[in-house]
Structure formats: C-alpha cells, structure tokens
Amino acid sequence: MSNPAVNIQDERFPDTHRGVYSKTIFGFWVYLLSDFMLFATLFAAYAVLRNATYGGPTAKDLFNIHYTLIQTVVLLCASLTAGMGGVFAHKRRKIPTIICFTLTFIVGLVFMAMEWGEFTHLIASGSGWQRSAFLSSYFTVVGTHGLHVIFALLWVIVLLPPVFKDGLNPVNIRRLTCLRMFWQFLNVVWIFIFTIIYLMGVY
C-alpha cells in the first residue's frame, strides 16, 4: 500500500523512517488478517445455522436484495473515497485528502443509518436475534461488521484534526494509509456478507 515516491523520513519525526513505516504497515496487515479470521469463523457459524429457522422466517422472507444492493454501493463509495484520500495523502495534497476522508465519513454514516434501519425493521417485525439460531448468526455477522464501520468512522474523526493542524507529515501519512486499508478491508468483508448472506439467502 506504500508509495515509493514518498519521502517517509523527516528530521522532525525521527521515528518515521522507512523501516518504521514498513513495519507499521506490515503489522497492520497482520491485524487485518486476524480480523479476517474472525469473520471467517462467523461465516462458518452462519453456514451451519442458516437453515435453523425453527419455523420462523427465512432469509428469503426477510431480506430486500435491492435495499442491500444500495448499501453495497454506498459502502463501495466510502471505500473508494478512502482510497483516493490515501493516494492524495501520499502526494501530500492536504485539502483533497481532507475532502476525501470527510466524504468517506459522510458516506459511512449513510451506510450505518441504512443498516440501523434494517435492524430496527427486523426487530419491530418480531424477527430479532432471539427469534432463531439463523437470526442470531445473521445479527452477529452483520452487527460485527457494523461495529467495525463505527470504529472506522471514529478513526476518521480522530485522524482529521492532526491533518488540519500539522499537515501531511510522515506520521499522519502512515496513519491515513492504515485507515485507507481498513476501509478497503471493510468493503471486502461486506462483499462476502452480501454474497453469502443476502444473495445466497434470497436466491
């Protein structure tokens, strides 16, 4: 994810030479891999429990594939703007970087509002997590992803003020690179959710 053209070392930030930068990115890749293993475990549990409806509604009865497709496009846009923000950060273009990550935050909020709306609708209709093992596994998988999105939104809030204040110094570039990677990871996980839970459930 790093850009070789960027001069990572800065005398004002002695801990930001290329070795530290590379170790940080590698460490974050390790974290993402461990997080993906978490989701793989949740997907495996869902695969076992997807038919355990106990006479309750099935995925085909509950899910609106068109609504979820819109959610998918929304999250894809958030990942795209985060990716663009990361590119601008490596080019040390402060204003475009801030704009892109601000858009990521706004679009991410839209995604979470849609997910919250879906959850509240299901619960209000009597299809909450306690209704069946199928719904418990569904809420666990999608809810865990939602918590990750909330964390990503908070991360944007934390990182933008230092960019405003200090500009795109090596520390901020490194942090924004990790943030960009995290948003792209969330998008990949959601593609699995959309395919395994929604598409395979409805069709």
Protein backbone atom coordinates (compact mmCIF):
# COMPACT_ATOMS: atom_id res chain seq x y z
CA MET A 1 0.00 0.00 0.00
CA SER A 2 3.00 2.30 0.30
CA ASN A 3 4.15 4.66 -2.41
CA PRO A 4 7.90 4.51 -3.09
CA ALA A 5 7.86 8.07 -4.37
CA VAL A 6 7.03 9.43 -0.94
CA ASN A 7 9.87 10.52 1.30
CA ILE A 8 8.87 8.89 4.55
CA GLN A 9 11.80 10.15 6.60
CA ASP A 10 11.52 13.58 8.17
CA GLU A 11 14.03 15.02 10.63
CA ARG A 12 11.20 16.45 12.71
CA PHE A 13 9.84 12.93 13.18
CA PRO A 14 12.81 10.63 13.87
CA ASP A 15 10.62 7.55 14.35
CA THR A 16 9.17 7.73 10.86
CA HIS A 17 12.00 6.42 8.68
CA ARG A 18 11.06 3.88 6.03
CA GLY A 19 11.82 0.92 8.30
CA VAL A 20 9.28 2.05 10.90
CA TYR A 21 6.77 2.86 8.15
CA SER A 22 7.13 -0.60 6.60
CA LYS A 23 6.87 -2.34 9.98
CA THR A 24 3.71 -0.39 10.78
CA ILE A 25 2.07 -1.35 7.50
CA PHE A 26 3.16 -4.98 7.88
CA GLY A 27 1.81 -5.04 11.43
CA PHE A 28 -1.49 -3.64 10.25
CA TRP A 29 -1.68 -6.32 7.55
CA VAL A 30 -1.23 -8.92 10.30
CA TYR A 31 -4.07 -7.31 12.25
CA LEU A 32 -6.33 -7.33 9.18
CA LEU A 33 -5.54 -11.00 8.62
CA SER A 34 -6.50 -11.82 12.20
CA ASP A 35 -9.70 -9.81 11.79
CA PHE A 36 -10.49 -11.68 8.59
CA MET A 37 -10.09 -14.95 10.51
CA LEU A 38 -12.67 -13.65 12.98
CA PHE A 39 -15.13 -13.04 10.16
CA ALA A 40 -14.29 -16.41 8.59
CA THR A 41 -15.30 -18.05 11.87
CA LEU A 42 -18.55 -16.08 11.94
CA PHE A 43 -19.29 -17.03 8.34
CA ALA A 44 -18.68 -20.69 9.16
CA ALA A 45 -21.11 -20.47 12.09
CA TYR A 46 -23.68 -18.78 9.85
CA ALA A 47 -23.30 -21.52 7.22
CA VAL A 48 -24.13 -24.12 9.86
CA LEU A 49 -27.10 -22.19 11.28
CA ARG A 50 -28.58 -20.60 8.16
CA ASN A 51 -31.38 -23.20 7.96
CA ALA A 52 -32.06 -23.29 11.70
CA THR A 53 -35.14 -21.07 11.49
CA TYR A 54 -37.30 -23.21 13.83
CA GLY A 55 -40.42 -22.41 11.85
CA GLY A 56 -39.61 -18.72 11.72
CA PRO A 57 -38.90 -16.52 8.71
CA THR A 58 -36.10 -17.43 6.33
CA ALA A 59 -33.64 -15.16 4.55
CA LYS A 60 -35.90 -15.14 1.51
CA ASP A 61 -38.79 -13.92 3.66
CA LEU A 62 -36.83 -11.14 5.34
CA PHE A 63 -34.21 -9.61 3.08
CA ASN A 64 -34.78 -6.96 0.42
CA ILE A 65 -31.97 -7.57 -2.03
CA HIS A 66 -32.44 -4.20 -3.75
CA TYR A 67 -32.06 -2.34 -0.45
CA THR A 68 -28.94 -4.31 0.37
CA LEU A 69 -27.53 -3.66 -3.09
CA ILE A 70 -27.84 0.07 -2.41
CA GLN A 71 -26.00 -0.47 0.88
CA THR A 72 -23.26 -2.25 -1.04
CA VAL A 73 -22.87 0.63 -3.47
CA VAL A 74 -22.79 3.12 -0.58
CA LEU A 75 -20.02 1.24 1.22
CA LEU A 76 -18.13 0.86 -2.04
CA CYS A 77 -18.23 4.65 -2.42
CA ALA A 78 -16.87 5.06 1.12
CA SER A 79 -14.02 2.67 0.31
CA LEU A 80 -13.36 4.49 -2.97
CA THR A 81 -13.12 7.92 -1.34
CA ALA A 82 -10.86 6.49 1.38
CA GLY A 83 -8.63 5.04 -1.32
CA MET A 84 -8.49 8.37 -3.12
CA GLY A 85 -7.73 10.10 0.17
CA GLY A 86 -4.82 7.74 0.73
CA VAL A 87 -3.44 8.50 -2.73
CA PHE A 88 -3.71 12.25 -2.15
CA ALA A 89 -2.05 11.85 1.26
CA HIS A 90 0.99 10.19 -0.32
CA LYS A 91 1.14 13.06 -2.79
CA ARG A 92 0.97 15.46 0.19
CA ARG A 93 -2.12 17.21 -1.13
CA LYS A 94 -3.73 18.27 2.11
CA ILE A 95 -7.08 19.71 1.00
CA PRO A 96 -8.04 16.86 -1.37
CA THR A 97 -7.05 14.39 1.36
CA ILE A 98 -9.30 16.07 3.91
CA ILE A 99 -12.17 16.29 1.42
CA CYS A 100 -11.92 12.61 0.52
CA PHE A 101 -11.87 11.37 4.10
CA THR A 102 -14.69 13.75 5.03
CA LEU A 103 -16.73 12.23 2.21
CA THR A 104 -15.78 8.79 3.50
CA PHE A 105 -17.15 9.74 6.91
CA ILE A 106 -20.42 11.09 5.48
CA VAL A 107 -21.00 8.11 3.20
CA GLY A 108 -20.08 5.74 6.03
CA LEU A 109 -22.73 7.40 8.19
CA VAL A 110 -25.28 6.83 5.43
CA PHE A 111 -24.34 3.15 5.33
CA MET A 112 -24.74 2.81 9.10
CA ALA A 113 -28.09 4.62 9.00
CA MET A 114 -29.30 2.11 6.42
CA GLU A 115 -28.04 -0.81 8.48
CA TRP A 116 -29.66 0.58 11.62
CA GLY A 117 -32.91 0.98 9.69
CA GLU A 118 -32.77 -2.64 8.56
CA PHE A 119 -32.07 -3.90 12.08
CA THR A 120 -34.87 -1.87 13.67
CA HIS A 121 -37.31 -3.03 10.97
CA LEU A 122 -36.47 -6.68 11.59
CA ILE A 123 -36.74 -6.32 15.36
CA ALA A 124 -40.02 -4.40 15.11
CA SER A 125 -41.48 -7.15 12.92
CA GLY A 126 -40.64 -9.81 15.50
CA SER A 127 -37.53 -11.07 13.74
CA GLY A 128 -34.94 -10.12 16.32
CA TRP A 129 -31.76 -12.00 17.14
CA GLN A 130 -33.52 -14.19 19.72
CA ARG A 131 -36.15 -15.48 17.23
CA SER A 132 -33.98 -18.29 15.85
CA ALA A 133 -30.41 -19.52 15.54
CA PHE A 134 -30.43 -18.29 11.95
CA LEU A 135 -31.28 -14.75 13.01
CA SER A 136 -28.80 -14.87 15.89
CA SER A 137 -25.99 -15.73 13.48
CA TYR A 138 -27.20 -13.11 10.99
CA PHE A 139 -27.22 -10.31 13.56
CA THR A 140 -23.82 -11.43 14.86
CA VAL A 141 -22.12 -11.36 11.45
CA VAL A 142 -23.67 -8.14 10.17
CA GLY A 143 -23.54 -6.47 13.58
CA THR A 144 -19.83 -7.25 13.97
CA HIS A 145 -19.18 -5.66 10.59
CA GLY A 146 -21.27 -2.66 11.65
CA LEU A 147 -19.18 -2.23 14.80
CA HIS A 148 -16.08 -2.19 12.62
CA VAL A 149 -17.62 0.53 10.46
CA ILE A 150 -18.41 2.59 13.57
CA PHE A 151 -14.78 2.20 14.65
CA ALA A 152 -13.65 3.34 11.19
CA LEU A 153 -15.88 6.42 11.45
CA LEU A 154 -14.43 7.27 14.86
CA TRP A 155 -10.96 6.77 13.42
CA VAL A 156 -11.67 9.37 10.75
CA ILE A 157 -12.77 11.82 13.46
CA VAL A 158 -9.54 11.19 15.38
CA LEU A 159 -7.18 11.50 12.40
CA LEU A 160 -8.52 14.54 10.56
CA PRO A 161 -7.74 17.18 13.25
CA PRO A 162 -3.97 16.38 13.23
CA VAL A 163 -4.02 16.63 9.44
CA PHE A 164 -5.65 20.07 9.73
CA LYS A 165 -3.10 21.14 12.32
CA ASP A 166 0.17 19.53 11.21
CA GLY A 167 -0.46 18.76 7.56
CA LEU A 168 0.65 15.57 5.84
CA ASN A 169 3.75 14.77 7.84
CA PRO A 170 5.10 11.18 7.80
CA VAL A 171 3.18 10.20 10.95
CA ASN A 172 -0.15 11.34 9.51
CA ILE A 173 0.55 9.71 6.15
CA ARG A 174 1.26 6.42 7.89
CA ARG A 175 -1.94 6.63 9.93
CA LEU A 176 -4.05 7.57 6.91
CA THR A 177 -2.58 4.67 4.97
CA CYS A 178 -3.73 2.27 7.68
CA LEU A 179 -7.16 3.92 7.72
CA ARG A 180 -7.46 3.53 3.96
CA MET A 181 -6.53 -0.15 4.25
CA PHE A 182 -9.16 -0.62 6.96
CA TRP A 183 -11.95 0.86 4.84
CA GLN A 184 -10.97 -1.35 1.93
CA PHE A 185 -10.95 -4.35 4.25
CA LEU A 186 -14.47 -3.49 5.40
CA ASN A 187 -15.61 -3.35 1.80
CA VAL A 188 -14.13 -6.79 1.06
CA VAL A 189 -15.84 -8.29 4.11
CA TRP A 190 -19.14 -6.71 3.09
CA ILE A 191 -18.89 -8.28 -0.37
CA PHE A 192 -18.71 -11.66 1.37
CA ILE A 193 -21.68 -10.71 3.56
CA PHE A 194 -23.70 -9.56 0.55
CA THR A 195 -22.89 -12.73 -1.37
CA ILE A 196 -23.16 -15.36 1.36
CA ILE A 197 -25.98 -13.96 3.49
CA TYR A 198 -28.11 -11.90 1.14
CA LEU A 199 -27.65 -13.24 -2.40
CA MET A 200 -27.40 -16.92 -1.45
CA GLY A 201 -30.15 -16.45 1.12
CA VAL A 202 -32.64 -14.88 -1.26
CA TYR A 203 -31.79 -16.84 -4.40
